[in-house]
Structure formats: structure tokens, C-alpha cells
């Protein structure tokens, strides 16, 4: 295989991997939407049914923020894989090595920020819910 074919294969494999992860993430929530909501019930019960048992605004915001931070963590893992592939397949090209190193460095910084924000959000919003996470 030529160098160009290897690069093309690596890009296509990364795209297929990324689309698979995104597809699995999106479609894992589809069965929850298939359940019909009973409109005849009272408003708090309806909200609890639709939001998966969350009745307070604080716990609902906490659930949404945790989901978004989890999604950002998934994106960070994909970027680590991309940066690592760029670094490994550089074949001596210094600009690609530098680009791969930058991607890895910034992704690690992003993961640290995601983890810190996860801790801060759960400490602040979780303090008033009465639950231990």
C-alpha cells in the first residue's frame, strides 16, 4: 500500500469510527422516546414521567449538564484518537507531528476542564437535592 492509500484508509476508518460512536450515542435514547406520556395526569407527575423521574428544576438541570459533559468527554476521547493517529502516521513530517502533539495537549487540557466542571456542577447543584452522587 502506498503512503497516500494508508492516509486515506486512516481518515475513512476515523470517520466510520466517529459516526458509529455518534450513532450509538444518539440511538440509545430512542426507546425512551417511544413511551407514550399520559396527558391526563397532573403536571408534576407528567414532568416526572417525561424527564425520567426528575421533579425539581435543580435535579433536571443537573441531569442535563451531566449529559452534556459526558458528551464532551466522548468528543475528547475521539480527539485523542485523532491526534494519536495524526502523530503516529506523520512519517517524519514535522508539521504533522506538531499538529498531533497540539491536538493531544489541548484535548488533555479539555478533559481536565470537563472533569473540573463536572465536580463543580455536581457539588453546587447536588448540594440541595439531598442525594449523594
N, C-alpha and C. Protein backbone atom coordinates (compact mmCIF):
# COMPACT_ATOMS: atom_id res chain seq x y z
N UNK A 1 0.84 -1.18 0.00
CA UNK A 1 0.00 0.00 0.00
C UNK A 1 0.88 1.24 0.00
N UNK A 2 0.46 2.20 -0.77
CA UNK A 2 1.22 3.44 -0.83
C UNK A 2 0.88 4.31 0.37
N UNK A 3 1.70 5.33 0.56
CA UNK A 3 1.52 6.24 1.69
C UNK A 3 0.17 6.97 1.59
N UNK A 4 -0.21 7.32 0.37
CA UNK A 4 -1.48 8.03 0.16
C UNK A 4 -2.66 7.12 0.50
N UNK A 5 -2.58 5.84 0.13
CA UNK A 5 -3.66 4.91 0.44
C UNK A 5 -3.78 4.68 1.95
N UNK A 6 -2.65 4.66 2.64
CA UNK A 6 -2.68 4.47 4.09
C UNK A 6 -3.36 5.66 4.75
N UNK A 7 -3.02 6.87 4.30
CA UNK A 7 -3.65 8.08 4.86
C UNK A 7 -5.15 8.07 4.60
N UNK A 8 -5.53 7.70 3.39
CA UNK A 8 -6.95 7.67 3.02
C UNK A 8 -7.69 6.64 3.87
N UNK A 9 -7.07 5.47 4.05
CA UNK A 9 -7.69 4.44 4.87
C UNK A 9 -7.83 4.90 6.31
N UNK A 10 -6.80 5.57 6.85
CA UNK A 10 -6.86 6.06 8.23
C UNK A 10 -7.97 7.09 8.39
N UNK A 11 -8.11 8.00 7.43
CA UNK A 11 -9.17 9.00 7.51
C UNK A 11 -10.55 8.36 7.44
N UNK A 12 -10.72 7.41 6.53
CA UNK A 12 -12.01 6.74 6.40
C UNK A 12 -12.34 5.92 7.64
N UNK A 13 -11.34 5.26 8.22
CA UNK A 13 -11.57 4.47 9.43
C UNK A 13 -11.96 5.39 10.58
N UNK A 14 -11.33 6.56 10.68
CA UNK A 14 -11.67 7.51 11.74
C UNK A 14 -13.08 8.05 11.56
N UNK A 15 -13.47 8.32 10.33
CA UNK A 15 -14.82 8.81 10.06
C UNK A 15 -15.85 7.74 10.41
N UNK A 16 -15.60 6.50 10.01
CA UNK A 16 -16.54 5.41 10.31
C UNK A 16 -16.64 5.20 11.82
N UNK A 17 -15.49 5.25 12.51
CA UNK A 17 -15.49 5.10 13.97
C UNK A 17 -16.28 6.22 14.63
N UNK A 18 -16.05 7.45 14.20
CA UNK A 18 -16.75 8.60 14.77
C UNK A 18 -18.25 8.52 14.54
N UNK A 19 -18.65 8.18 13.32
CA UNK A 19 -20.08 8.06 13.02
C UNK A 19 -20.73 6.93 13.81
N UNK A 20 -19.99 5.85 14.02
CA UNK A 20 -20.52 4.74 14.81
C UNK A 20 -20.75 5.16 16.25
N UNK A 21 -19.79 5.87 16.83
CA UNK A 21 -19.93 6.33 18.21
C UNK A 21 -21.10 7.31 18.33
N UNK A 22 -21.19 8.26 17.40
CA UNK A 22 -22.29 9.23 17.45
C UNK A 22 -23.62 8.52 17.26
N UNK A 23 -23.69 7.58 16.32
CA UNK A 23 -24.92 6.85 16.09
C UNK A 23 -25.35 6.04 17.30
N UNK A 24 -24.41 5.37 17.95
CA UNK A 24 -24.75 4.60 19.14
C UNK A 24 -25.19 5.50 20.28
N UNK A 25 -24.58 6.67 20.37
CA UNK A 25 -24.96 7.61 21.43
C UNK A 25 -26.36 8.15 21.20
N UNK A 26 -26.66 8.52 19.98
CA UNK A 26 -27.96 9.11 19.68
C UNK A 26 -29.07 8.07 19.76
N UNK A 27 -28.85 6.91 19.19
CA UNK A 27 -29.92 5.93 19.10
C UNK A 27 -30.14 5.14 20.38
N UNK A 28 -29.29 5.29 21.37
CA UNK A 28 -29.54 4.58 22.61
C UNK A 28 -30.69 5.20 23.38
N UNK A 29 -31.04 6.45 23.08
CA UNK A 29 -32.12 7.12 23.78
C UNK A 29 -33.46 7.01 23.06
N UNK A 30 -33.50 6.42 21.89
CA UNK A 30 -34.74 6.33 21.12
C UNK A 30 -35.82 5.53 21.83
N UNK A 31 -35.52 4.39 22.48
CA UNK A 31 -36.61 3.66 23.15
C UNK A 31 -37.29 4.48 24.24
N UNK A 32 -36.60 5.39 24.88
CA UNK A 32 -37.22 6.20 25.92
C UNK A 32 -38.26 7.14 25.33
N UNK A 33 -38.05 7.59 24.10
CA UNK A 33 -38.99 8.48 23.46
C UNK A 33 -40.20 7.72 22.91
N UNK A 34 -40.08 6.41 22.79
CA UNK A 34 -41.18 5.63 22.23
C UNK A 34 -42.30 5.42 23.24
N UNK A 35 -42.04 5.68 24.51
CA UNK A 35 -43.06 5.50 25.53
C UNK A 35 -44.02 6.67 25.47
N UNK A 36 -45.27 6.36 25.44
CA UNK A 36 -46.29 7.41 25.39
C UNK A 36 -46.49 8.05 26.75
N UNK A 37 -46.67 9.35 26.75
CA UNK A 37 -46.92 10.07 28.00
C UNK A 37 -48.43 10.22 28.17
N UNK A 38 -48.89 10.05 29.39
CA UNK A 38 -50.30 10.19 29.69
C UNK A 38 -50.60 11.66 29.96
N UNK A 39 -51.28 12.32 29.04
CA UNK A 39 -51.56 13.75 29.16
C UNK A 39 -52.61 14.01 30.25
N UNK A 40 -53.37 12.99 30.63
CA UNK A 40 -54.44 13.15 31.61
C UNK A 40 -53.93 13.35 33.03
N UNK A 41 -52.64 13.09 33.27
CA UNK A 41 -52.12 13.16 34.64
C UNK A 41 -51.87 14.60 35.06
N UNK A 42 -51.56 14.78 36.33
CA UNK A 42 -51.27 16.11 36.85
C UNK A 42 -49.92 16.59 36.32
N UNK A 43 -49.68 17.88 36.41
CA UNK A 43 -48.47 18.47 35.85
C UNK A 43 -47.19 17.93 36.49
N UNK A 44 -47.05 17.84 37.82
CA UNK A 44 -45.80 17.30 38.38
C UNK A 44 -45.55 15.85 37.97
N UNK A 45 -46.61 15.06 37.92
CA UNK A 45 -46.43 13.67 37.51
C UNK A 45 -46.04 13.59 36.04
N UNK A 46 -46.63 14.45 35.21
CA UNK A 46 -46.28 14.48 33.79
C UNK A 46 -44.82 14.86 33.60
N UNK A 47 -44.36 15.88 34.35
CA UNK A 47 -42.96 16.30 34.26
C UNK A 47 -42.04 15.17 34.72
N UNK A 48 -42.41 14.48 35.78
CA UNK A 48 -41.60 13.37 36.28
C UNK A 48 -41.54 12.24 35.26
N UNK A 49 -42.65 11.97 34.59
CA UNK A 49 -42.67 10.91 33.58
C UNK A 49 -41.80 11.27 32.38
N UNK A 50 -41.89 12.50 31.92
CA UNK A 50 -41.17 12.92 30.73
C UNK A 50 -39.67 13.04 30.99
N UNK A 51 -39.29 13.49 32.18
CA UNK A 51 -37.87 13.73 32.47
C UNK A 51 -37.19 12.57 33.17
N UNK A 52 -37.82 11.43 33.23
CA UNK A 52 -37.19 10.27 33.84
C UNK A 52 -37.20 10.30 35.35
N UNK A 53 -38.19 10.88 35.94
CA UNK A 53 -38.32 10.90 37.38
C UNK A 53 -37.82 12.17 38.05
N UNK A 54 -37.35 13.12 37.30
CA UNK A 54 -36.85 14.38 37.86
C UNK A 54 -38.03 15.32 38.07
N UNK A 55 -38.28 15.70 39.31
CA UNK A 55 -39.41 16.59 39.56
C UNK A 55 -38.98 18.02 39.86
N UNK A 56 -37.75 18.22 40.31
CA UNK A 56 -37.31 19.58 40.62
C UNK A 56 -36.46 20.12 39.47
N UNK A 57 -36.46 21.42 39.34
CA UNK A 57 -35.68 22.07 38.29
C UNK A 57 -34.19 21.84 38.51
N UNK A 58 -33.76 21.85 39.76
CA UNK A 58 -32.34 21.67 40.07
C UNK A 58 -31.84 20.31 39.61
N UNK A 59 -32.59 19.25 39.91
CA UNK A 59 -32.16 17.91 39.51
C UNK A 59 -32.26 17.73 38.01
N UNK A 60 -33.22 18.39 37.37
CA UNK A 60 -33.32 18.32 35.91
C UNK A 60 -32.13 19.00 35.25
N UNK A 61 -31.75 20.18 35.75
CA UNK A 61 -30.57 20.88 35.22
C UNK A 61 -29.32 20.06 35.46
N UNK A 62 -29.21 19.44 36.63
CA UNK A 62 -28.06 18.60 36.93
C UNK A 62 -27.97 17.43 35.96
N UNK A 63 -29.09 16.81 35.64
CA UNK A 63 -29.10 15.70 34.69
C UNK A 63 -28.69 16.16 33.30
N UNK A 64 -29.20 17.31 32.87
CA UNK A 64 -28.86 17.82 31.54
C UNK A 64 -27.38 18.19 31.46
N UNK A 65 -26.86 18.87 32.47
CA UNK A 65 -25.45 19.26 32.48
C UNK A 65 -24.55 18.03 32.50
N UNK A 66 -24.92 17.02 33.28
CA UNK A 66 -24.12 15.79 33.30
C UNK A 66 -24.13 15.10 31.94
N UNK A 67 -25.27 15.13 31.26
CA UNK A 67 -25.32 14.53 29.92
C UNK A 67 -24.42 15.29 28.95
N UNK A 68 -24.47 16.62 28.99
CA UNK A 68 -23.64 17.43 28.09
C UNK A 68 -22.16 17.21 28.38
N UNK A 69 -21.78 17.15 29.65
CA UNK A 69 -20.38 16.92 29.99
C UNK A 69 -19.93 15.53 29.58
N UNK A 70 -20.80 14.55 29.68
CA UNK A 70 -20.47 13.20 29.21
C UNK A 70 -20.26 13.21 27.70
N UNK A 71 -21.10 13.93 26.98
CA UNK A 71 -20.94 14.03 25.53
C UNK A 71 -19.62 14.71 25.17
N UNK A 72 -19.27 15.77 25.91
CA UNK A 72 -17.99 16.44 25.67
C UNK A 72 -16.82 15.52 25.97
N UNK A 73 -16.95 14.68 26.97
CA UNK A 73 -15.91 13.69 27.26
C UNK A 73 -15.76 12.70 26.11
N UNK A 74 -16.86 12.30 25.51
CA UNK A 74 -16.81 11.41 24.34
C UNK A 74 -16.11 12.09 23.17
N UNK A 75 -16.41 13.36 22.94
CA UNK A 75 -15.74 14.11 21.88
C UNK A 75 -14.24 14.20 22.18
N UNK A 76 -13.87 14.39 23.44
CA UNK A 76 -12.46 14.47 23.81
C UNK A 76 -11.74 13.16 23.54
N UNK A 77 -12.38 12.03 23.81
CA UNK A 77 -11.77 10.74 23.52
C UNK A 77 -11.57 10.57 22.02
N UNK A 78 -12.53 11.00 21.23
CA UNK A 78 -12.40 10.92 19.77
C UNK A 78 -11.24 11.80 19.31
N UNK A 79 -11.09 12.98 19.91
CA UNK A 79 -9.99 13.88 19.53
C UNK A 79 -8.64 13.29 19.94
N UNK A 80 -8.57 12.58 21.04
CA UNK A 80 -7.32 11.91 21.42
C UNK A 80 -6.96 10.85 20.40
N UNK A 81 -7.95 10.10 19.96
CA UNK A 81 -7.69 9.09 18.93
C UNK A 81 -7.22 9.75 17.65
N UNK A 82 -7.87 10.85 17.26
CA UNK A 82 -7.49 11.57 16.04
C UNK A 82 -6.07 12.13 16.16
N UNK A 83 -5.76 12.77 17.27
CA UNK A 83 -4.42 13.32 17.47
C UNK A 83 -3.36 12.24 17.50
N UNK A 84 -3.67 11.12 18.13
CA UNK A 84 -2.74 10.00 18.17
C UNK A 84 -2.50 9.41 16.79
N UNK A 85 -3.57 9.29 16.01
CA UNK A 85 -3.40 8.76 14.65
C UNK A 85 -2.58 9.73 13.80
N UNK A 86 -2.81 11.02 13.97
CA UNK A 86 -2.05 12.02 13.24
C UNK A 86 -0.58 11.95 13.62
N UNK A 87 -0.31 11.78 14.90
CA UNK A 87 1.06 11.71 15.40
C UNK A 87 1.76 10.45 14.90
N UNK A 88 1.06 9.33 14.93
CA UNK A 88 1.66 8.05 14.54
C UNK A 88 1.87 7.98 13.03
N UNK A 89 0.94 8.51 12.25
CA UNK A 89 1.04 8.41 10.79
C UNK A 89 1.77 9.60 10.17
N UNK A 90 2.48 10.39 10.96
CA UNK A 90 3.18 11.56 10.44
C UNK A 90 4.33 11.17 9.51
N UNK A 91 4.94 10.03 9.73
CA UNK A 91 6.03 9.53 8.90
C UNK A 91 7.15 10.55 8.75
N UNK A 92 7.48 11.21 9.82
CA UNK A 92 8.61 12.14 9.81
C UNK A 92 8.27 13.56 9.42
N UNK A 93 7.07 13.84 8.98
CA UNK A 93 6.67 15.20 8.63
C UNK A 93 6.50 16.00 9.92
N UNK A 94 7.38 16.96 10.14
CA UNK A 94 7.41 17.68 11.41
C UNK A 94 6.13 18.47 11.68
N UNK A 95 5.52 19.04 10.64
CA UNK A 95 4.29 19.81 10.87
C UNK A 95 3.15 18.91 11.33
N UNK A 96 3.08 17.67 10.84
CA UNK A 96 2.04 16.75 11.30
C UNK A 96 2.32 16.28 12.71
N UNK A 97 3.59 16.08 13.04
CA UNK A 97 3.95 15.70 14.41
C UNK A 97 3.54 16.81 15.37
N UNK A 98 3.86 18.05 15.01
CA UNK A 98 3.50 19.19 15.85
C UNK A 98 1.98 19.34 15.98
N UNK A 99 1.26 19.14 14.87
CA UNK A 99 -0.20 19.24 14.91
C UNK A 99 -0.79 18.15 15.81
N UNK A 100 -0.27 16.93 15.70
CA UNK A 100 -0.74 15.83 16.56
C UNK A 100 -0.47 16.11 18.03
N UNK A 101 0.72 16.65 18.33
CA UNK A 101 1.06 16.98 19.72
C UNK A 101 0.14 18.08 20.26
N UNK A 102 -0.14 19.09 19.43
CA UNK A 102 -1.03 20.18 19.87
C UNK A 102 -2.43 19.64 20.16
N UNK A 103 -2.94 18.80 19.27
CA UNK A 103 -4.28 18.23 19.47
C UNK A 103 -4.32 17.43 20.76
N UNK A 104 -3.29 16.61 21.00
CA UNK A 104 -3.26 15.82 22.22
C UNK A 104 -3.17 16.70 23.47
N UNK A 105 -2.33 17.73 23.41
CA UNK A 105 -2.15 18.61 24.56
C UNK A 105 -3.45 19.35 24.88
N UNK A 106 -4.06 19.94 23.86
CA UNK A 106 -5.29 20.70 24.09
C UNK A 106 -6.45 19.79 24.50
N UNK A 107 -6.46 18.57 24.02
CA UNK A 107 -7.51 17.64 24.42
C UNK A 107 -7.35 17.24 25.88
N UNK A 108 -6.13 17.01 26.30
CA UNK A 108 -5.90 16.68 27.72
C UNK A 108 -6.31 17.85 28.60
N UNK A 109 -5.99 19.08 28.19
CA UNK A 109 -6.43 20.26 28.94
C UNK A 109 -7.96 20.32 28.97
N UNK A 110 -8.60 20.01 27.83
CA UNK A 110 -10.05 19.99 27.78
C UNK A 110 -10.65 18.94 28.70
N UNK A 111 -10.03 17.77 28.77
CA UNK A 111 -10.53 16.72 29.66
C UNK A 111 -10.43 17.16 31.12
N UNK A 112 -9.32 17.81 31.46
CA UNK A 112 -9.18 18.31 32.83
C UNK A 112 -10.27 19.33 33.14
N UNK A 113 -10.54 20.24 32.19
CA UNK A 113 -11.59 21.24 32.40
C UNK A 113 -12.97 20.59 32.51
N UNK A 114 -13.22 19.58 31.70
CA UNK A 114 -14.50 18.86 31.76
C UNK A 114 -14.67 18.19 33.11
N UNK A 115 -13.60 17.57 33.60
CA UNK A 115 -13.68 16.90 34.91
C UNK A 115 -13.88 17.91 36.04
N UNK A 116 -13.17 19.04 35.97
CA UNK A 116 -13.35 20.07 36.99
C UNK A 116 -14.77 20.64 36.96
N UNK A 117 -15.30 20.90 35.78
CA UNK A 117 -16.65 21.43 35.70
C UNK A 117 -17.67 20.40 36.18
N UNK A 118 -17.41 19.13 35.92
CA UNK A 118 -18.30 18.07 36.41
C UNK A 118 -18.34 18.08 37.94
N UNK A 119 -17.17 18.19 38.55
CA UNK A 119 -17.09 18.21 40.01
C UNK A 119 -17.79 19.45 40.58
N UNK A 120 -17.51 20.61 39.97
CA UNK A 120 -18.09 21.85 40.48
C UNK A 120 -19.61 21.84 40.34
N UNK A 121 -20.10 21.45 39.17
CA UNK A 121 -21.55 21.44 38.94
C UNK A 121 -22.24 20.46 39.88
N UNK A 122 -21.67 19.28 40.05
CA UNK A 122 -22.30 18.31 40.94
C UNK A 122 -22.22 18.74 42.40
N UNK A 123 -21.17 19.46 42.77
CA UNK A 123 -21.07 19.95 44.15
C UNK A 123 -22.08 21.06 44.41
N UNK A 124 -22.21 21.98 43.45
CA UNK A 124 -23.10 23.12 43.65
C UNK A 124 -24.56 22.72 43.50
N UNK A 125 -24.90 22.07 42.42
CA UNK A 125 -26.31 21.69 42.19
C UNK A 125 -26.73 20.47 43.00
N UNK A 126 -25.80 19.58 43.27
CA UNK A 126 -26.14 18.39 44.02
C UNK A 126 -26.27 18.63 45.51
N UNK A 127 -25.79 19.78 45.98
CA UNK A 127 -25.84 20.07 47.42
C UNK A 127 -27.27 20.21 47.92
N UNK A 128 -28.15 20.74 47.12
CA UNK A 128 -29.51 20.98 47.57
C UNK A 128 -30.49 19.87 47.26
N UNK A 129 -30.07 18.83 46.56
CA UNK A 129 -31.00 17.77 46.18
C UNK A 129 -31.18 16.74 47.26
N UNK A 130 -30.23 16.65 48.20
CA UNK A 130 -30.35 15.67 49.25
C UNK A 130 -29.90 14.29 48.83
N UNK A 131 -29.29 14.16 47.65
CA UNK A 131 -28.79 12.88 47.19
C UNK A 131 -27.28 12.93 47.14
N UNK A 132 -26.67 11.78 47.33
CA UNK A 132 -25.22 11.69 47.23
C UNK A 132 -24.86 11.06 45.90
N UNK A 133 -24.07 11.79 45.10
CA UNK A 133 -23.64 11.28 43.80
C UNK A 133 -22.19 10.94 43.83
